[in-house]
Amino acid sequence: MAQLGPDDDEQLPYENLDDLPPQVSRLPIHRQEMWMSAYNAYLDEFGDKEQADRTAWIEATRGYAPEEEERPGRHPTHGAGKGH
């Protein structure tokens, strides 16, 4: 989980993916976008950076399996026989 320090105020809320913490930057792009959106929304509503970070990680990694990025076109939550 990314740990935010006391000097992170100048980067909050995050405006683009290039500003995200290194741990978040390792996620696939759409997961980075999910993290940033969740983080900024929580921070805006509640003002708690540490909890915003935790919430963002939960949202960005929910249902995430690294192998989903290795098989384009296949959504991991679709069951057998339920094609698009």
PDB file of N, CA and C in Angstrom:
ATOM      1  N   MET A   1       0.840  -1.169   0.000  1.00  0.00           N
ATOM      2  CA  MET A   1       0.000   0.000   0.000  1.00  0.00           C
ATOM      3  C   MET A   1       0.890   1.239   0.000  1.00  0.00           C
ATOM      4  N   ALA A   2       0.540   2.225  -0.765  1.00  0.00           N
ATOM      5  CA  ALA A   2       1.310   3.458  -0.823  1.00  0.00           C
ATOM      6  C   ALA A   2       1.201   4.192   0.509  1.00  0.00           C
ATOM      7  N   GLN A   3       2.300   4.702   0.980  1.00  0.00           N
ATOM      8  CA  GLN A   3       2.293   5.469   2.208  1.00  0.00           C
ATOM      9  C   GLN A   3       2.546   6.925   1.856  1.00  0.00           C
ATOM     10  N   LEU A   4       1.654   7.775   2.289  1.00  0.00           N
ATOM     11  CA  LEU A   4       1.766   9.189   1.995  1.00  0.00           C
ATOM     12  C   LEU A   4       2.427   9.893   3.173  1.00  0.00           C
ATOM     13  N   GLY A   5       3.321  10.797   2.868  1.00  0.00           N
ATOM     14  CA  GLY A   5       4.030  11.517   3.902  1.00  0.00           C
ATOM     15  C   GLY A   5       3.470  12.913   4.108  1.00  0.00           C
ATOM     16  N   PRO A   6       3.975  13.624   5.104  1.00  0.00           N
ATOM     17  CA  PRO A   6       3.466  14.952   5.417  1.00  0.00           C
ATOM     18  C   PRO A   6       3.746  15.993   4.338  1.00  0.00           C
ATOM     19  N   ASP A   7       4.693  15.723   3.441  1.00  0.00           N
ATOM     20  CA  ASP A   7       5.032  16.689   2.399  1.00  0.00           C
ATOM     21  C   ASP A   7       4.265  16.461   1.111  1.00  0.00           C
ATOM     22  N   ASP A   8       3.261  15.609   1.130  1.00  0.00           N
ATOM     23  CA  ASP A   8       2.526  15.266  -0.089  1.00  0.00           C
ATOM     24  C   ASP A   8       1.413  16.248  -0.423  1.00  0.00           C
ATOM     25  N   ASP A   9       1.177  17.270   0.409  1.00  0.00           N
ATOM     26  CA  ASP A   9       0.070  18.190   0.200  1.00  0.00           C
ATOM     27  C   ASP A   9       0.098  18.882  -1.150  1.00  0.00           C
ATOM     28  N   GLU A  10       1.277  19.189  -1.673  1.00  0.00           N
ATOM     29  CA  GLU A  10       1.354  19.910  -2.931  1.00  0.00           C
ATOM     30  C   GLU A  10       0.889  19.063  -4.117  1.00  0.00           C
ATOM     31  N   GLN A  11       0.782  17.743  -3.964  1.00  0.00           N
ATOM     32  CA  GLN A  11       0.367  16.871  -5.049  1.00  0.00           C
ATOM     33  C   GLN A  11      -1.078  16.398  -4.894  1.00  0.00           C
ATOM     34  N   LEU A  12      -1.803  16.895  -3.908  1.00  0.00           N
ATOM     35  CA  LEU A  12      -3.125  16.380  -3.627  1.00  0.00           C
ATOM     36  C   LEU A  12      -4.187  17.425  -3.885  1.00  0.00           C
ATOM     37  N   PRO A  13      -5.292  17.100  -4.466  1.00  0.00           N
ATOM     38  CA  PRO A  13      -5.579  15.808  -5.072  1.00  0.00           C
ATOM     39  C   PRO A  13      -4.763  15.608  -6.343  1.00  0.00           C
ATOM     40  N   TYR A  14      -4.689  14.362  -6.777  1.00  0.00           N
ATOM     41  CA  TYR A  14      -3.913  14.038  -7.971  1.00  0.00           C
ATOM     42  C   TYR A  14      -4.675  14.485  -9.219  1.00  0.00           C
ATOM     43  N   GLU A  15      -3.955  15.108 -10.141  1.00  0.00           N
ATOM     44  CA  GLU A  15      -4.583  15.614 -11.361  1.00  0.00           C
ATOM     45  C   GLU A  15      -4.295  14.756 -12.581  1.00  0.00           C
ATOM     46  N   ASN A  16      -3.177  14.019 -12.586  1.00  0.00           N
ATOM     47  CA  ASN A  16      -2.887  13.139 -13.730  1.00  0.00           C
ATOM     48  C   ASN A  16      -2.089  11.934 -13.253  1.00  0.00           C
ATOM     49  N   LEU A  17      -2.038  10.925 -14.103  1.00  0.00           N
ATOM     50  CA  LEU A  17      -1.404   9.661 -13.734  1.00  0.00           C
ATOM     51  C   LEU A  17       0.086   9.791 -13.468  1.00  0.00           C
ATOM     52  N   ASP A  18       0.733  10.765 -14.076  1.00  0.00           N
ATOM     53  CA  ASP A  18       2.170  10.958 -13.864  1.00  0.00           C
ATOM     54  C   ASP A  18       2.501  11.363 -12.428  1.00  0.00           C
ATOM     55  N   ASP A  19       1.510  11.885 -11.693  1.00  0.00           N
ATOM     56  CA  ASP A  19       1.732  12.339 -10.325  1.00  0.00           C
ATOM     57  C   ASP A  19       1.502  11.265  -9.273  1.00  0.00           C
ATOM     58  N   LEU A  20       1.012  10.115  -9.683  1.00  0.00           N
ATOM     59  CA  LEU A  20       0.665   9.069  -8.720  1.00  0.00           C
ATOM     60  C   LEU A  20       1.907   8.488  -8.042  1.00  0.00           C
ATOM     61  N   PRO A  21       1.732   7.967  -6.819  1.00  0.00           N
ATOM     62  CA  PRO A  21       2.852   7.319  -6.126  1.00  0.00           C
ATOM     63  C   PRO A  21       3.390   6.146  -6.941  1.00  0.00           C
ATOM     64  N   PRO A  22       4.666   5.824  -6.789  1.00  0.00           N
ATOM     65  CA  PRO A  22       5.283   4.739  -7.569  1.00  0.00           C
ATOM     66  C   PRO A  22       4.550   3.401  -7.454  1.00  0.00           C
ATOM     67  N   GLN A  23       4.025   3.090  -6.272  1.00  0.00           N
ATOM     68  CA  GLN A  23       3.329   1.815  -6.095  1.00  0.00           C
ATOM     69  C   GLN A  23       2.091   1.739  -6.984  1.00  0.00           C
ATOM     70  N   VAL A  24       1.414   2.851  -7.152  1.00  0.00           N
ATOM     71  CA  VAL A  24       0.203   2.902  -7.974  1.00  0.00           C
ATOM     72  C   VAL A  24       0.586   2.842  -9.448  1.00  0.00           C
ATOM     73  N   SER A  25       1.695   3.454  -9.804  1.00  0.00           N
ATOM     74  CA  SER A  25       2.142   3.492 -11.194  1.00  0.00           C
ATOM     75  C   SER A  25       2.472   2.113 -11.742  1.00  0.00           C
ATOM     76  N   ARG A  26       2.642   1.127 -10.880  1.00  0.00           N
ATOM     77  CA  ARG A  26       2.910  -0.242 -11.327  1.00  0.00           C
ATOM     78  C   ARG A  26       1.651  -0.964 -11.786  1.00  0.00           C
ATOM     79  N   LEU A  27       0.488  -0.421 -11.447  1.00  0.00           N
ATOM     80  CA  LEU A  27      -0.780  -1.026 -11.861  1.00  0.00           C
ATOM     81  C   LEU A  27      -1.053  -0.719 -13.328  1.00  0.00           C
ATOM     82  N   PRO A  28      -1.897  -1.506 -13.988  1.00  0.00           N
ATOM     83  CA  PRO A  28      -2.311  -1.183 -15.359  1.00  0.00           C
ATOM     84  C   PRO A  28      -3.001   0.192 -15.378  1.00  0.00           C
ATOM     85  N   ILE A  29      -2.973   0.848 -16.511  1.00  0.00           N
ATOM     86  CA  ILE A  29      -3.491   2.216 -16.634  1.00  0.00           C
ATOM     87  C   ILE A  29      -4.917   2.347 -16.107  1.00  0.00           C
ATOM     88  N   HIS A  30      -5.817   1.463 -16.499  1.00  0.00           N
ATOM     89  CA  HIS A  30      -7.204   1.615 -16.040  1.00  0.00           C
ATOM     90  C   HIS A  30      -7.310   1.454 -14.526  1.00  0.00           C
ATOM     91  N   ARG A  31      -6.437   0.675 -13.923  1.00  0.00           N
ATOM     92  CA  ARG A  31      -6.433   0.537 -12.462  1.00  0.00           C
ATOM     93  C   ARG A  31      -5.851   1.797 -11.809  1.00  0.00           C
ATOM     94  N   GLN A  32      -4.872   2.423 -12.456  1.00  0.00           N
ATOM     95  CA  GLN A  32      -4.343   3.698 -11.954  1.00  0.00           C
ATOM     96  C   GLN A  32      -5.444   4.758 -11.960  1.00  0.00           C
ATOM     97  N   GLU A  33      -6.230   4.777 -13.036  1.00  0.00           N
ATOM     98  CA  GLU A  33      -7.334   5.731 -13.130  1.00  0.00           C
ATOM     99  C   GLU A  33      -8.366   5.490 -12.038  1.00  0.00           C
ATOM    100  N   MET A  34      -8.644   4.209 -11.765  1.00  0.00           N
ATOM    101  CA  MET A  34      -9.583   3.868 -10.692  1.00  0.00           C
ATOM    102  C   MET A  34      -9.046   4.352  -9.348  1.00  0.00           C
ATOM    103  N   TRP A  35      -7.737   4.123  -9.100  1.00  0.00           N
ATOM    104  CA  TRP A  35      -7.128   4.541  -7.844  1.00  0.00           C
ATOM    105  C   TRP A  35      -7.235   6.063  -7.690  1.00  0.00           C
ATOM    106  N   MET A  36      -6.854   6.783  -8.718  1.00  0.00           N
ATOM    107  CA  MET A  36      -6.859   8.238  -8.659  1.00  0.00           C
ATOM    108  C   MET A  36      -8.271   8.781  -8.421  1.00  0.00           C
ATOM    109  N   SER A  37      -9.241   8.235  -9.109  1.00  0.00           N
ATOM    110  CA  SER A  37     -10.621   8.679  -8.952  1.00  0.00           C
ATOM    111  C   SER A  37     -11.126   8.425  -7.533  1.00  0.00           C
ATOM    112  N   ALA A  38     -10.886   7.237  -7.024  1.00  0.00           N
ATOM    113  CA  ALA A  38     -11.335   6.889  -5.675  1.00  0.00           C
ATOM    114  C   ALA A  38     -10.619   7.746  -4.625  1.00  0.00           C
ATOM    115  N   TYR A  39      -9.313   7.905  -4.798  1.00  0.00           N
ATOM    116  CA  TYR A  39      -8.533   8.699  -3.845  1.00  0.00           C
ATOM    117  C   TYR A  39      -9.040  10.136  -3.792  1.00  0.00           C
ATOM    118  N   ASN A  40      -9.152  10.745  -4.965  1.00  0.00           N
ATOM    119  CA  ASN A  40      -9.576  12.141  -5.014  1.00  0.00           C
ATOM    120  C   ASN A  40     -10.989  12.331  -4.469  1.00  0.00           C
ATOM    121  N   ALA A  41     -11.898  11.403  -4.779  1.00  0.00           N
ATOM    122  CA  ALA A  41     -13.276  11.510  -4.299  1.00  0.00           C
ATOM    123  C   ALA A  41     -13.324  11.411  -2.776  1.00  0.00           C
ATOM    124  N   TYR A  42     -12.597  10.435  -2.220  1.00  0.00           N
ATOM    125  CA  TYR A  42     -12.598  10.262  -0.765  1.00  0.00           C
ATOM    126  C   TYR A  42     -11.954  11.460  -0.085  1.00  0.00           C
ATOM    127  N   LEU A  43     -10.835  11.908  -0.622  1.00  0.00           N
ATOM    128  CA  LEU A  43     -10.149  13.052  -0.032  1.00  0.00           C
ATOM    129  C   LEU A  43     -11.029  14.294  -0.069  1.00  0.00           C
ATOM    130  N   ASP A  44     -11.712  14.505  -1.183  1.00  0.00           N
ATOM    131  CA  ASP A  44     -12.587  15.663  -1.320  1.00  0.00           C
ATOM    132  C   ASP A  44     -13.728  15.620  -0.302  1.00  0.00           C
ATOM    133  N   GLU A  45     -14.287  14.444  -0.107  1.00  0.00           N
ATOM    134  CA  GLU A  45     -15.435  14.321   0.786  1.00  0.00           C
ATOM    135  C   GLU A  45     -15.062  14.321   2.262  1.00  0.00           C
ATOM    136  N   PHE A  46     -13.969  13.630   2.617  1.00  0.00           N
ATOM    137  CA  PHE A  46     -13.654  13.436   4.026  1.00  0.00           C
ATOM    138  C   PHE A  46     -12.358  14.092   4.494  1.00  0.00           C
ATOM    139  N   GLY A  47     -11.452  14.447   3.577  1.00  0.00           N
ATOM    140  CA  GLY A  47     -10.227  15.145   3.938  1.00  0.00           C
ATOM    141  C   GLY A  47      -9.176  14.320   4.660  1.00  0.00           C
ATOM    142  N   ASP A  48      -9.293  13.010   4.634  1.00  0.00           N
ATOM    143  CA  ASP A  48      -8.357  12.125   5.337  1.00  0.00           C
ATOM    144  C   ASP A  48      -7.476  11.414   4.311  1.00  0.00           C
ATOM    145  N   LYS A  49      -6.216  11.848   4.187  1.00  0.00           N
ATOM    146  CA  LYS A  49      -5.310  11.289   3.171  1.00  0.00           C
ATOM    147  C   LYS A  49      -5.018   9.811   3.388  1.00  0.00           C
ATOM    148  N   GLU A  50      -4.808   9.408   4.623  1.00  0.00           N
ATOM    149  CA  GLU A  50      -4.475   8.010   4.886  1.00  0.00           C
ATOM    150  C   GLU A  50      -5.646   7.089   4.530  1.00  0.00           C
ATOM    151  N   GLN A  51      -6.849   7.463   4.930  1.00  0.00           N
ATOM    152  CA  GLN A  51      -8.013   6.646   4.605  1.00  0.00           C
ATOM    153  C   GLN A  51      -8.327   6.714   3.114  1.00  0.00           C
ATOM    154  N   ALA A  52      -8.081   7.855   2.488  1.00  0.00           N
ATOM    155  CA  ALA A  52      -8.280   7.970   1.038  1.00  0.00           C
ATOM    156  C   ALA A  52      -7.362   6.993   0.313  1.00  0.00           C
ATOM    157  N   ASP A  53      -6.139   6.853   0.781  1.00  0.00           N
ATOM    158  CA  ASP A  53      -5.185   5.918   0.185  1.00  0.00           C
ATOM    159  C   ASP A  53      -5.677   4.483   0.336  1.00  0.00           C
ATOM    160  N   ARG A  54      -6.126   4.127   1.526  1.00  0.00           N
ATOM    161  CA  ARG A  54      -6.636   2.762   1.756  1.00  0.00           C
ATOM    162  C   ARG A  54      -7.846   2.470   0.877  1.00  0.00           C
ATOM    163  N   THR A  55      -8.768   3.416   0.842  1.00  0.00           N
ATOM    164  CA  THR A  55      -9.983   3.252   0.041  1.00  0.00           C
ATOM    165  C   THR A  55      -9.646   3.113  -1.434  1.00  0.00           C
ATOM    166  N   ALA A  56      -8.720   3.921  -1.907  1.00  0.00           N
ATOM    167  CA  ALA A  56      -8.322   3.868  -3.318  1.00  0.00           C
ATOM    168  C   ALA A  56      -7.714   2.516  -3.663  1.00  0.00           C
ATOM    169  N   TRP A  57      -6.895   1.957  -2.771  1.00  0.00           N
ATOM    170  CA  TRP A  57      -6.308   0.635  -3.032  1.00  0.00           C
ATOM    171  C   TRP A  57      -7.374  -0.443  -3.093  1.00  0.00           C
ATOM    172  N   ILE A  58      -8.350  -0.357  -2.226  1.00  0.00           N
ATOM    173  CA  ILE A  58      -9.440  -1.337  -2.247  1.00  0.00           C
ATOM    174  C   ILE A  58     -10.174  -1.263  -3.577  1.00  0.00           C
ATOM    175  N   GLU A  59     -10.514  -0.057  -4.000  1.00  0.00           N
ATOM    176  CA  GLU A  59     -11.250   0.116  -5.261  1.00  0.00           C
ATOM    177  C   GLU A  59     -10.429  -0.305  -6.470  1.00  0.00           C
ATOM    178  N   ALA A  60      -9.173   0.072  -6.505  1.00  0.00           N
ATOM    179  CA  ALA A  60      -8.336  -0.203  -7.677  1.00  0.00           C
ATOM    180  C   ALA A  60      -7.978  -1.673  -7.819  1.00  0.00           C
ATOM    181  N   THR A  61      -7.957  -2.398  -6.722  1.00  0.00           N
ATOM    182  CA  THR A  61      -7.544  -3.793  -6.797  1.00  0.00           C
ATOM    183  C   THR A  61      -8.703  -4.774  -6.647  1.00  0.00           C
ATOM    184  N   ARG A  62      -9.909  -4.270  -6.478  1.00  0.00           N
ATOM    185  CA  ARG A  62     -11.077  -5.150  -6.340  1.00  0.00           C
ATOM    186  C   ARG A  62     -11.228  -6.001  -7.599  1.00  0.00           C
ATOM    187  N   GLY A  63     -11.197  -7.301  -7.438  1.00  0.00           N
ATOM    188  CA  GLY A  63     -11.359  -8.215  -8.559  1.00  0.00           C
ATOM    189  C   GLY A  63     -10.166  -8.268  -9.498  1.00  0.00           C
ATOM    190  N   TYR A  64      -9.068  -7.618  -9.130  1.00  0.00           N
ATOM    191  CA  TYR A  64      -7.896  -7.561 -10.002  1.00  0.00           C
ATOM    192  C   TYR A  64      -7.034  -8.800  -9.845  1.00  0.00           C
ATOM    193  N   ALA A  65      -6.689  -9.382 -10.957  1.00  0.00           N
ATOM    194  CA  ALA A  65      -5.727 -10.476 -10.990  1.00  0.00           C
ATOM    195  C   ALA A  65      -4.716 -10.129 -12.073  1.00  0.00           C
ATOM    196  N   PRO A  66      -3.424 -10.168 -11.768  1.00  0.00           N
ATOM    197  CA  PRO A  66      -2.426  -9.778 -12.763  1.00  0.00           C
ATOM    198  C   PRO A  66      -2.594 -10.476 -14.105  1.00  0.00           C
ATOM    199  N   GLU A  67      -3.070 -11.707 -14.109  1.00  0.00           N
ATOM    200  CA  GLU A  67      -3.225 -12.411 -15.379  1.00  0.00           C
ATOM    201  C   GLU A  67      -4.301 -11.801 -16.264  1.00  0.00           C
ATOM    202  N   GLU A  68      -5.189 -10.965 -15.705  1.00  0.00           N
ATOM    203  CA  GLU A  68      -6.197 -10.325 -16.546  1.00  0.00           C
ATOM    204  C   GLU A  68      -5.559  -9.422 -17.596  1.00  0.00           C
ATOM    205  N   GLU A  69      -4.387  -8.909 -17.303  1.00  0.00           N
ATOM    206  CA  GLU A  69      -3.695  -8.034 -18.242  1.00  0.00           C
ATOM    207  C   GLU A  69      -2.989  -8.831 -19.328  1.00  0.00           C
ATOM    208  N   GLU A  70      -2.785 -10.113 -19.091  1.00  0.00           N
ATOM    209  CA  GLU A  70      -2.071 -10.945 -20.053  1.00  0.00           C
ATOM    210  C   GLU A  70      -2.988 -11.536 -21.116  1.00  0.00           C
ATOM    211  N   ARG A  71      -4.300 -11.442 -20.908  1.00  0.00           N
ATOM    212  CA  ARG A  71      -5.243 -12.034 -21.847  1.00  0.00           C
ATOM    213  C   ARG A  71      -6.237 -10.980 -22.315  1.00  0.00           C
ATOM    214  N   PRO A  72      -5.844 -10.142 -23.258  1.00  0.00           N
ATOM    215  CA  PRO A  72      -6.728  -9.082 -23.727  1.00  0.00           C
ATOM    216  C   PRO A  72      -8.033  -9.647 -24.259  1.00  0.00           C
ATOM    217  N   GLY A  73      -9.103  -8.908 -24.034  1.00  0.00           N
ATOM    218  CA  GLY A  73     -10.397  -9.304 -24.554  1.00  0.00           C
ATOM    219  C   GLY A  73     -11.165 -10.241 -23.648  1.00  0.00           C
ATOM    220  N   ARG A  74     -10.559 -10.699 -22.575  1.00  0.00           N
ATOM    221  CA  ARG A  74     -11.251 -11.600 -21.657  1.00  0.00           C
ATOM    222  C   ARG A  74     -11.435 -10.904 -20.325  1.00  0.00           C
ATOM    223  N   HIS A  75     -12.665 -10.786 -19.909  1.00  0.00           N
ATOM    224  CA  HIS A  75     -12.967 -10.141 -18.637  1.00  0.00           C
ATOM    225  C   HIS A  75     -13.047 -11.222 -17.573  1.00  0.00           C
ATOM    226  N   PRO A  76     -12.307 -11.077 -16.471  1.00  0.00           N
ATOM    227  CA  PRO A  76     -12.222 -12.146 -15.482  1.00  0.00           C
ATOM    228  C   PRO A  76     -13.534 -12.459 -14.769  1.00  0.00           C
ATOM    229  N   THR A  77     -14.517 -11.563 -14.803  1.00  0.00           N
ATOM    230  CA  THR A  77     -15.760 -11.827 -14.081  1.00  0.00           C
ATOM    231  C   THR A  77     -16.802 -12.493 -14.970  1.00  0.00           C
ATOM    232  N   HIS A  78     -16.524 -12.667 -16.236  1.00  0.00           N
ATOM    233  CA  HIS A  78     -17.491 -13.331 -17.118  1.00  0.00           C
ATOM    234  C   HIS A  78     -17.362 -14.833 -16.964  1.00  0.00           C
ATOM    235  N   GLY A  79     -18.483 -15.474 -16.727  1.00  0.00           N
ATOM    236  CA  GLY A  79     -18.474 -16.916 -16.552  1.00  0.00           C
ATOM    237  C   GLY A  79     -18.431 -17.631 -17.891  1.00  0.00           C
ATOM    238  N   ALA A  80     -18.214 -18.919 -17.835  1.00  0.00           N
ATOM    239  CA  ALA A  80     -18.188 -19.729 -19.052  1.00  0.00           C
ATOM    240  C   ALA A  80     -19.555 -19.706 -19.704  1.00  0.00           C
ATOM    241  N   GLY A  81     -19.573 -19.594 -20.997  1.00  0.00           N
ATOM    242  CA  GLY A  81     -20.822 -19.587 -21.735  1.00  0.00           C
ATOM    243  C   GLY A  81     -21.520 -18.258 -21.784  1.00  0.00           C
ATOM    244  N   LYS A  82     -20.922 -17.250 -21.175  1.00  0.00           N
ATOM    245  CA  LYS A  82     -21.528 -15.920 -21.177  1.00  0.00           C
ATOM    246  C   LYS A  82     -20.661 -14.978 -21.990  1.00  0.00           C
ATOM    247  N   GLY A  83     -20.516 -15.229 -23.232  1.00  0.00           N
ATOM    248  CA  GLY A  83     -19.648 -14.404 -24.079  1.00  0.00           C
ATOM    249  C   GLY A  83     -20.275 -13.073 -24.408  1.00  0.00           C
ATOM    250  N   HIS A  84     -19.455 -12.168 -24.848  1.00  0.00           N
ATOM    251  CA  HIS A  84     -19.920 -10.862 -25.321  1.00  0.00           C
ATOM    252  C   HIS A  84     -20.212 -10.971 -26.794  1.00  0.00           C
TER     253      HIS A  84
END
